[in-house]
């Protein structure tokens, strides 16, 4: 199997897996990049996976289904286009011999889900939508800090070689903030240089991998002393894990 990132809009990626002329796509906010890829290669689209309800993730679903008759799967707890098969934690989507496990990861939206699978001959893949980004995480539009922290803990427990397939090219801006939080993190410094070189060549920074994210992503490291020391809370009231995470997320919201 092969994994490719199809650029869409200004910074979205629509992820496509293909194998022997068959294809699966994730979060097609725009149908045209997918239709173009299918036409140029002569592939048949069989599955569409959706992580959450935002328009830049579902906008192309109906056009793709009309053009290809692909089966569509999406979060059970969010409003989806008609005909989408509802999915929740404990269920799976099978395609070309791969069982993609569904994980409930609320926070960015109330019913956000992710998909994790082990394609043959590849490192595992995680399609995490807008829950986890390289060096960052999604804004909390509908969920709570405690929910997002629990969601990220679930993802952090996946195998270290899991390919992290985020839906946006936010890496460099995330790493700028991460470096502000942990300025002495050598893994972060090396990764930022690597990503700068990729973007200078017009290449994606993604996929990342979970082992790397655990070393450089402040939202996966919110319990680390180096991250908490940077928060410099003016209050002496003790905070729990969700409180530290909330403070970190708010700082990122306001960071320029």
C-alpha atoms as a PDB file:
ATOM      1  CA  UNK A   1       0.000   0.000   0.000  1.00  0.00           C
ATOM      2  CA  UNK A   2       1.037   3.594  -0.548  1.00  0.00           C
ATOM      3  CA  UNK A   3       0.079   6.724   1.390  1.00  0.00           C
ATOM      4  CA  UNK A   4      -0.082  10.158  -0.195  1.00  0.00           C
ATOM      5  CA  UNK A   5      -1.188  13.610   0.958  1.00  0.00           C
ATOM      6  CA  UNK A   6      -3.375  15.517  -1.486  1.00  0.00           C
ATOM      7  CA  UNK A   7      -3.189  19.284  -0.841  1.00  0.00           C
ATOM      8  CA  UNK A   8      -6.516  21.111  -0.629  1.00  0.00           C
ATOM      9  CA  UNK A   9      -7.518  24.708   0.103  1.00  0.00           C
ATOM     10  CA  UNK A  10      -4.618  26.675   1.614  1.00  0.00           C
ATOM     11  CA  UNK A  11      -3.274  24.184   4.165  1.00  0.00           C
ATOM     12  CA  UNK A  12      -5.475  21.050   4.239  1.00  0.00           C
ATOM     13  CA  UNK A  13      -4.341  17.541   3.417  1.00  0.00           C
ATOM     14  CA  UNK A  14      -6.698  14.861   2.141  1.00  0.00           C
ATOM     15  CA  UNK A  15      -5.007  11.554   2.911  1.00  0.00           C
ATOM     16  CA  UNK A  16      -5.214   8.778   0.328  1.00  0.00           C
ATOM     17  CA  UNK A  17      -4.215   5.150   0.663  1.00  0.00           C
ATOM     18  CA  UNK A  18      -4.056   3.148  -2.550  1.00  0.00           C
ATOM     19  CA  UNK A  19      -3.413  -0.495  -3.332  1.00  0.00           C
ATOM     20  CA  UNK A  20      -3.684  -2.375  -6.619  1.00  0.00           C
ATOM     21  CA  UNK A  21      -5.920   0.221  -8.223  1.00  0.00           C
ATOM     22  CA  UNK A  22      -8.172   0.678  -5.174  1.00  0.00           C
ATOM     23  CA  UNK A  23      -8.207   3.756  -2.969  1.00  0.00           C
ATOM     24  CA  UNK A  24      -9.394   5.107   0.377  1.00  0.00           C
ATOM     25  CA  UNK A  25      -9.476   8.789   1.303  1.00  0.00           C
ATOM     26  CA  UNK A  26      -9.808  10.641   4.594  1.00  0.00           C
ATOM     27  CA  UNK A  27     -11.545  13.976   5.212  1.00  0.00           C
ATOM     28  CA  UNK A  28     -12.181  15.100   1.620  1.00  0.00           C
ATOM     29  CA  UNK A  29     -13.236  18.682   2.183  1.00  0.00           C
ATOM     30  CA  UNK A  30     -12.843  19.261  -1.554  1.00  0.00           C
ATOM     31  CA  UNK A  31     -13.746  16.553  -4.065  1.00  0.00           C
ATOM     32  CA  UNK A  32     -11.631  17.859  -6.951  1.00  0.00           C
ATOM     33  CA  UNK A  33      -8.128  16.883  -5.728  1.00  0.00           C
ATOM     34  CA  UNK A  34      -9.420  13.350  -5.142  1.00  0.00           C
ATOM     35  CA  UNK A  35     -11.180  13.128  -8.511  1.00  0.00           C
ATOM     36  CA  UNK A  36      -8.048  14.418 -10.248  1.00  0.00           C
ATOM     37  CA  UNK A  37      -5.851  11.818  -8.527  1.00  0.00           C
ATOM     38  CA  UNK A  38      -8.266   9.010  -9.339  1.00  0.00           C
ATOM     39  CA  UNK A  39      -8.510  10.053 -12.989  1.00  0.00           C
ATOM     40  CA  UNK A  40      -4.762  10.434 -13.467  1.00  0.00           C
ATOM     41  CA  UNK A  41      -4.017   6.985 -12.042  1.00  0.00           C
ATOM     42  CA  UNK A  42      -7.131   5.086 -13.074  1.00  0.00           C
ATOM     43  CA  UNK A  43      -7.875   4.133  -9.469  1.00  0.00           C
ATOM     44  CA  UNK A  44     -11.280   3.243  -8.003  1.00  0.00           C
ATOM     45  CA  UNK A  45     -12.346   4.948  -4.758  1.00  0.00           C
ATOM     46  CA  UNK A  46     -13.898   2.426  -2.357  1.00  0.00           C
ATOM     47  CA  UNK A  47     -13.893   4.054   1.108  1.00  0.00           C
ATOM     48  CA  UNK A  48     -14.215   7.564   2.523  1.00  0.00           C
ATOM     49  CA  UNK A  49     -13.372   8.114   6.193  1.00  0.00           C
ATOM     50  CA  UNK A  50     -14.483  11.304   7.965  1.00  0.00           C
ATOM     51  CA  UNK A  51     -13.172  12.421  11.361  1.00  0.00           C
ATOM     52  CA  UNK A  52     -15.506  15.338  12.168  1.00  0.00           C
ATOM     53  CA  UNK A  53     -18.209  17.593  10.800  1.00  0.00           C
ATOM     54  CA  UNK A  54     -16.316  20.747   9.769  1.00  0.00           C
ATOM     55  CA  UNK A  55     -16.885  21.802   6.158  1.00  0.00           C
ATOM     56  CA  UNK A  56     -13.225  21.565   5.152  1.00  0.00           C
ATOM     57  CA  UNK A  57     -13.415  17.854   6.017  1.00  0.00           C
ATOM     58  CA  UNK A  58     -16.826  16.861   4.646  1.00  0.00           C
ATOM     59  CA  UNK A  59     -17.391  19.346   1.811  1.00  0.00           C
ATOM     60  CA  UNK A  60     -16.454  16.910  -0.948  1.00  0.00           C
ATOM     61  CA  UNK A  61     -18.178  13.819   0.423  1.00  0.00           C
ATOM     62  CA  UNK A  62     -21.429  14.009  -1.523  1.00  0.00           C
ATOM     63  CA  UNK A  63     -19.734  14.749  -4.859  1.00  0.00           C
ATOM     64  CA  UNK A  64     -17.279  11.884  -4.366  1.00  0.00           C
ATOM     65  CA  UNK A  65     -19.998   9.441  -3.392  1.00  0.00           C
ATOM     66  CA  UNK A  66     -22.060  10.455  -6.423  1.00  0.00           C
ATOM     67  CA  UNK A  67     -19.061   9.994  -8.715  1.00  0.00           C
ATOM     68  CA  UNK A  68     -17.684   6.771  -7.236  1.00  0.00           C
ATOM     69  CA  UNK A  69     -20.348   5.063  -5.071  1.00  0.00           C
ATOM     70  CA  UNK A  70     -17.715   4.784  -2.332  1.00  0.00           C
ATOM     71  CA  UNK A  71     -18.883   3.815   1.158  1.00  0.00           C
ATOM     72  CA  UNK A  72     -18.601   6.658   3.673  1.00  0.00           C
ATOM     73  CA  UNK A  73     -17.935   6.358   7.411  1.00  0.00           C
ATOM     74  CA  UNK A  74     -18.051   9.159   9.976  1.00  0.00           C
ATOM     75  CA  UNK A  75     -18.604  10.037  13.635  1.00  0.00           C
ATOM     76  CA  UNK A  76     -21.791   8.707  15.180  1.00  0.00           C
ATOM     77  CA  UNK A  77     -22.148  11.691  17.510  1.00  0.00           C
ATOM     78  CA  UNK A  78     -21.994  14.433  14.894  1.00  0.00           C
ATOM     79  CA  UNK A  79     -24.274  15.555  12.082  1.00  0.00           C
ATOM     80  CA  UNK A  80     -23.023  14.025   8.858  1.00  0.00           C
ATOM     81  CA  UNK A  81     -24.215  14.052   5.250  1.00  0.00           C
ATOM     82  CA  UNK A  82     -27.010  11.563   4.552  1.00  0.00           C
ATOM     83  CA  UNK A  83     -25.890   7.979   4.074  1.00  0.00           C
ATOM     84  CA  UNK A  84     -22.729   8.164   6.191  1.00  0.00           C
ATOM     85  CA  UNK A  85     -22.272   5.028   8.295  1.00  0.00           C
ATOM     86  CA  UNK A  86     -21.988   6.110  11.974  1.00  0.00           C
ATOM     87  CA  UNK A  87     -18.852   4.967  13.783  1.00  0.00           C
ATOM     88  CA  UNK A  88     -17.707   5.087  17.410  1.00  0.00           C
ATOM     89  CA  UNK A  89     -15.008   3.658  19.682  1.00  0.00           C
ATOM     90  CA  UNK A  90     -14.801  -0.122  19.504  1.00  0.00           C
ATOM     91  CA  UNK A  91     -15.913  -0.335  15.882  1.00  0.00           C
ATOM     92  CA  UNK A  92     -13.708  -0.715  12.840  1.00  0.00           C
ATOM     93  CA  UNK A  93     -13.686  -0.107   9.096  1.00  0.00           C
ATOM     94  CA  UNK A  94     -12.275  -2.883   6.897  1.00  0.00           C
ATOM     95  CA  UNK A  95     -10.589  -2.161   3.589  1.00  0.00           C
ATOM     96  CA  UNK A  96      -8.165  -4.248   1.530  1.00  0.00           C
ATOM     97  CA  UNK A  97      -7.426  -6.513   4.485  1.00  0.00           C
ATOM     98  CA  UNK A  98      -6.820  -3.669   6.946  1.00  0.00           C
ATOM     99  CA  UNK A  99      -9.072  -3.104   9.958  1.00  0.00           C
ATOM    100  CA  UNK A 100      -9.050   0.587  10.869  1.00  0.00           C
ATOM    101  CA  UNK A 101      -9.922   0.867  14.553  1.00  0.00           C
ATOM    102  CA  UNK A 102     -12.147   3.798  15.503  1.00  0.00           C
ATOM    103  CA  UNK A 103     -11.179   5.951  18.497  1.00  0.00           C
ATOM    104  CA  UNK A 104     -13.404   8.542  20.153  1.00  0.00           C
ATOM    105  CA  UNK A 105     -11.265  11.682  20.513  1.00  0.00           C
ATOM    106  CA  UNK A 106     -13.565  14.583  21.492  1.00  0.00           C
ATOM    107  CA  UNK A 107     -12.139  18.021  22.137  1.00  0.00           C
ATOM    108  CA  UNK A 108     -11.805  19.887  18.847  1.00  0.00           C
ATOM    109  CA  UNK A 109     -15.434  18.915  18.204  1.00  0.00           C
ATOM    110  CA  UNK A 110     -17.813  17.054  20.490  1.00  0.00           C
ATOM    111  CA  UNK A 111     -17.891  13.809  18.511  1.00  0.00           C
ATOM    112  CA  UNK A 112     -14.499  13.784  16.753  1.00  0.00           C
ATOM    113  CA  UNK A 113     -13.145  10.321  15.912  1.00  0.00           C
ATOM    114  CA  UNK A 114      -9.808   9.007  14.632  1.00  0.00           C
ATOM    115  CA  UNK A 115      -8.848   5.877  12.707  1.00  0.00           C
ATOM    116  CA  UNK A 116      -5.802   3.684  13.396  1.00  0.00           C
ATOM    117  CA  UNK A 117      -4.702   0.748  11.262  1.00  0.00           C
ATOM    118  CA  UNK A 118      -1.742  -1.431  10.299  1.00  0.00           C
ATOM    119  CA  UNK A 119      -1.465  -1.699   6.486  1.00  0.00           C
ATOM    120  CA  UNK A 120       0.739  -4.557   5.245  1.00  0.00           C
ATOM    121  CA  UNK A 121       4.324  -3.548   4.596  1.00  0.00           C
ATOM    122  CA  UNK A 122       3.923  -0.148   6.272  1.00  0.00           C
ATOM    123  CA  UNK A 123       4.216   1.436   9.678  1.00  0.00           C
ATOM    124  CA  UNK A 124       0.800   1.862  11.349  1.00  0.00           C
ATOM    125  CA  UNK A 125      -1.215   4.895  10.275  1.00  0.00           C
ATOM    126  CA  UNK A 126      -3.316   7.256  12.371  1.00  0.00           C
ATOM    127  CA  UNK A 127      -5.825   9.521  10.663  1.00  0.00           C
ATOM    128  CA  UNK A 128      -6.434  12.027  13.445  1.00  0.00           C
ATOM    129  CA  UNK A 129      -8.179  14.911  11.668  1.00  0.00           C
ATOM    130  CA  UNK A 130      -7.812  18.071  13.758  1.00  0.00           C
ATOM    131  CA  UNK A 131      -7.230  16.428  17.152  1.00  0.00           C
ATOM    132  CA  UNK A 132      -3.446  16.070  16.933  1.00  0.00           C
ATOM    133  CA  UNK A 133      -1.113  18.122  14.755  1.00  0.00           C
ATOM    134  CA  UNK A 134       2.621  17.816  14.465  1.00  0.00           C
ATOM    135  CA  UNK A 135       3.854  19.961  17.336  1.00  0.00           C
ATOM    136  CA  UNK A 136       0.319  20.951  18.328  1.00  0.00           C
ATOM    137  CA  UNK A 137      -3.333  20.046  18.774  1.00  0.00           C
ATOM    138  CA  UNK A 138      -6.693  21.357  17.608  1.00  0.00           C
ATOM    139  CA  UNK A 139      -8.531  24.273  19.143  1.00  0.00           C
ATOM    140  CA  UNK A 140     -11.260  23.380  21.610  1.00  0.00           C
ATOM    141  CA  UNK A 141     -14.322  24.526  19.684  1.00  0.00           C
ATOM    142  CA  UNK A 142     -16.809  22.147  21.312  1.00  0.00           C
ATOM    143  CA  UNK A 143     -15.022  19.987  23.880  1.00  0.00           C
ATOM    144  CA  UNK A 144     -13.332  20.608  27.212  1.00  0.00           C
ATOM    145  CA  UNK A 145      -9.633  20.616  28.132  1.00  0.00           C
ATOM    146  CA  UNK A 146     -10.168  17.405  30.118  1.00  0.00           C
ATOM    147  CA  UNK A 147     -11.710  15.720  27.078  1.00  0.00           C
ATOM    148  CA  UNK A 148      -8.908  16.798  24.775  1.00  0.00           C
ATOM    149  CA  UNK A 149      -6.243  15.713  27.245  1.00  0.00           C
ATOM    150  CA  UNK A 150      -7.865  12.285  27.504  1.00  0.00           C
ATOM    151  CA  UNK A 151      -8.105  12.076  23.712  1.00  0.00           C
ATOM    152  CA  UNK A 152      -4.430  12.933  23.293  1.00  0.00           C
ATOM    153  CA  UNK A 153      -3.506  10.406  25.990  1.00  0.00           C
ATOM    154  CA  UNK A 154      -5.274   7.736  23.916  1.00  0.00           C
ATOM    155  CA  UNK A 155      -3.303   8.671  20.837  1.00  0.00           C
ATOM    156  CA  UNK A 156      -0.031   8.914  22.759  1.00  0.00           C
ATOM    157  CA  UNK A 157      -0.460   5.278  23.827  1.00  0.00           C
ATOM    158  CA  UNK A 158      -0.359   4.054  20.200  1.00  0.00           C
ATOM    159  CA  UNK A 159       2.850   2.407  18.918  1.00  0.00           C
ATOM    160  CA  UNK A 160       5.772   4.819  18.577  1.00  0.00           C
ATOM    161  CA  UNK A 161       6.164   4.123  14.842  1.00  0.00           C
ATOM    162  CA  UNK A 162       2.558   5.114  14.108  1.00  0.00           C
ATOM    163  CA  UNK A 163       2.453   7.593  11.229  1.00  0.00           C
ATOM    164  CA  UNK A 164       0.565  10.686  12.374  1.00  0.00           C
ATOM    165  CA  UNK A 165      -1.560  11.842   9.434  1.00  0.00           C
ATOM    166  CA  UNK A 166      -2.930  15.236  10.464  1.00  0.00           C
ATOM    167  CA  UNK A 167      -5.314  17.198   8.278  1.00  0.00           C
ATOM    168  CA  UNK A 168      -3.440  20.525   8.156  1.00  0.00           C
ATOM    169  CA  UNK A 169       0.044  21.836   7.393  1.00  0.00           C
ATOM    170  CA  UNK A 170       0.412  23.764  10.643  1.00  0.00           C
ATOM    171  CA  UNK A 171       3.769  22.308  11.632  1.00  0.00           C
ATOM    172  CA  UNK A 172       6.091  25.303  11.437  1.00  0.00           C
ATOM    173  CA  UNK A 173       3.758  27.638  13.337  1.00  0.00           C
ATOM    174  CA  UNK A 174       3.212  24.928  15.946  1.00  0.00           C
ATOM    175  CA  UNK A 175       6.943  24.403  16.348  1.00  0.00           C
ATOM    176  CA  UNK A 176       7.537  28.117  16.826  1.00  0.00           C
ATOM    177  CA  UNK A 177       5.213  28.006  19.821  1.00  0.00           C
ATOM    178  CA  UNK A 178       6.666  24.696  21.055  1.00  0.00           C
ATOM    179  CA  UNK A 179      10.177  26.165  20.973  1.00  0.00           C
ATOM    180  CA  UNK A 180       8.924  29.100  23.052  1.00  0.00           C
ATOM    181  CA  UNK A 181       7.651  26.591  25.625  1.00  0.00           C
ATOM    182  CA  UNK A 182      10.755  24.365  25.639  1.00  0.00           C
ATOM    183  CA  UNK A 183      13.655  26.425  24.247  1.00  0.00           C
ATOM    184  CA  UNK A 184      16.292  23.883  25.324  1.00  0.00           C
ATOM    185  CA  UNK A 185      14.597  20.834  23.759  1.00  0.00           C
ATOM    186  CA  UNK A 186      17.240  19.568  21.312  1.00  0.00           C
ATOM    187  CA  UNK A 187      14.844  17.143  19.612  1.00  0.00           C
ATOM    188  CA  UNK A 188      12.532  20.054  18.920  1.00  0.00           C
ATOM    189  CA  UNK A 189      15.341  22.173  17.504  1.00  0.00           C
ATOM    190  CA  UNK A 190      16.444  19.406  15.129  1.00  0.00           C
ATOM    191  CA  UNK A 191      12.902  18.686  14.010  1.00  0.00           C
ATOM    192  CA  UNK A 192      12.179  22.342  13.327  1.00  0.00           C
ATOM    193  CA  UNK A 193      15.240  22.580  11.071  1.00  0.00           C
ATOM    194  CA  UNK A 194      14.158  19.427   9.256  1.00  0.00           C
ATOM    195  CA  UNK A 195      10.650  20.781   8.683  1.00  0.00           C
ATOM    196  CA  UNK A 196      11.959  24.148   7.499  1.00  0.00           C
ATOM    197  CA  UNK A 197      14.031  22.333   4.870  1.00  0.00           C
ATOM    198  CA  UNK A 198      11.006  20.315   3.737  1.00  0.00           C
ATOM    199  CA  UNK A 199       8.805  23.400   3.366  1.00  0.00           C
ATOM    200  CA  UNK A 200      11.571  25.271   1.501  1.00  0.00           C
ATOM    201  CA  UNK A 201      11.361  22.475  -1.073  1.00  0.00           C
ATOM    202  CA  UNK A 202       7.575  22.672  -1.205  1.00  0.00           C
ATOM    203  CA  UNK A 203       7.230  19.282   0.526  1.00  0.00           C
ATOM    204  CA  UNK A 204       4.801  18.296   3.315  1.00  0.00           C
ATOM    205  CA  UNK A 205       6.122  17.986   6.855  1.00  0.00           C
ATOM    206  CA  UNK A 206       3.683  15.105   7.338  1.00  0.00           C
ATOM    207  CA  UNK A 207       3.229  12.379   8.278  1.00  0.00           C
ATOM    208  CA  UNK A 208       5.045  12.695  11.557  1.00  0.00           C
ATOM    209  CA  UNK A 209       5.251   9.739  13.946  1.00  0.00           C
ATOM    210  CA  UNK A 210       4.066   9.244  17.489  1.00  0.00           C
ATOM    211  CA  UNK A 211       7.489   8.610  18.996  1.00  0.00           C
ATOM    212  CA  UNK A 212       8.725  11.950  17.672  1.00  0.00           C
ATOM    213  CA  UNK A 213       5.613  13.810  18.788  1.00  0.00           C
ATOM    214  CA  UNK A 214       6.102  12.564  22.341  1.00  0.00           C
ATOM    215  CA  UNK A 215       9.518  14.258  22.291  1.00  0.00           C
ATOM    216  CA  UNK A 216       8.541  17.605  20.750  1.00  0.00           C
ATOM    217  CA  UNK A 217       4.811  18.284  21.073  1.00  0.00           C
ATOM    218  CA  UNK A 218       4.000  20.405  24.164  1.00  0.00           C
ATOM    219  CA  UNK A 219       0.381  19.205  24.185  1.00  0.00           C
ATOM    220  CA  UNK A 220       1.552  15.622  24.579  1.00  0.00           C
ATOM    221  CA  UNK A 221       4.106  16.828  27.136  1.00  0.00           C
ATOM    222  CA  UNK A 222       1.843  18.994  29.308  1.00  0.00           C
ATOM    223  CA  UNK A 223       2.757  16.929  32.385  1.00  0.00           C
ATOM    224  CA  UNK A 224       6.497  17.486  31.868  1.00  0.00           C
ATOM    225  CA  UNK A 225       8.199  19.795  34.368  1.00  0.00           C
ATOM    226  CA  UNK A 226       9.871  21.772  31.557  1.00  0.00           C
ATOM    227  CA  UNK A 227       6.487  22.564  29.998  1.00  0.00           C
ATOM    228  CA  UNK A 228       4.786  23.412  33.277  1.00  0.00           C
ATOM    229  CA  UNK A 229       7.637  25.694  34.314  1.00  0.00           C
ATOM    230  CA  UNK A 230       7.075  27.779  31.179  1.00  0.00           C
ATOM    231  CA  UNK A 231       3.436  28.421  32.027  1.00  0.00           C
ATOM    232  CA  UNK A 232       4.411  30.750  34.899  1.00  0.00           C
ATOM    233  CA  UNK A 233       0.950  30.855  36.427  1.00  0.00           C
ATOM    234  CA  UNK A 234       0.410  33.943  38.620  1.00  0.00           C
ATOM    235  CA  UNK A 235      -1.769  32.017  41.050  1.00  0.00           C
ATOM    236  CA  UNK A 236      -0.518  29.733  43.797  1.00  0.00           C
ATOM    237  CA  UNK A 237      -3.661  27.606  43.582  1.00  0.00           C
ATOM    238  CA  UNK A 238      -2.646  24.076  42.615  1.00  0.00           C
ATOM    239  CA  UNK A 239      -3.811  22.959  39.169  1.00  0.00           C
ATOM    240  CA  UNK A 240      -4.631  19.460  38.033  1.00  0.00           C
ATOM    241  CA  UNK A 241      -3.492  17.988  34.715  1.00  0.00           C
ATOM    242  CA  UNK A 242      -6.498  19.375  32.848  1.00  0.00           C
ATOM    243  CA  UNK A 243      -5.826  22.810  34.322  1.00  0.00           C
ATOM    244  CA  UNK A 244      -2.252  22.869  33.040  1.00  0.00           C
ATOM    245  CA  UNK A 245      -3.440  21.646  29.668  1.00  0.00           C
ATOM    246  CA  UNK A 246      -6.121  24.365  29.531  1.00  0.00           C
ATOM    247  CA  UNK A 247      -3.553  27.045  30.348  1.00  0.00           C
ATOM    248  CA  UNK A 248      -1.235  25.741  27.629  1.00  0.00           C
ATOM    249  CA  UNK A 249      -4.025  25.647  25.045  1.00  0.00           C
ATOM    250  CA  UNK A 250      -5.141  29.179  25.927  1.00  0.00           C
ATOM    251  CA  UNK A 251      -1.573  30.435  25.579  1.00  0.00           C
ATOM    252  CA  UNK A 252      -1.391  28.895  22.110  1.00  0.00           C
ATOM    253  CA  UNK A 253      -4.722  30.535  21.192  1.00  0.00           C
ATOM    254  CA  UNK A 254      -3.262  33.941  22.063  1.00  0.00           C
ATOM    255  CA  UNK A 255       0.278  33.347  20.782  1.00  0.00           C
ATOM    256  CA  UNK A 256       1.514  35.462  17.894  1.00  0.00           C
END
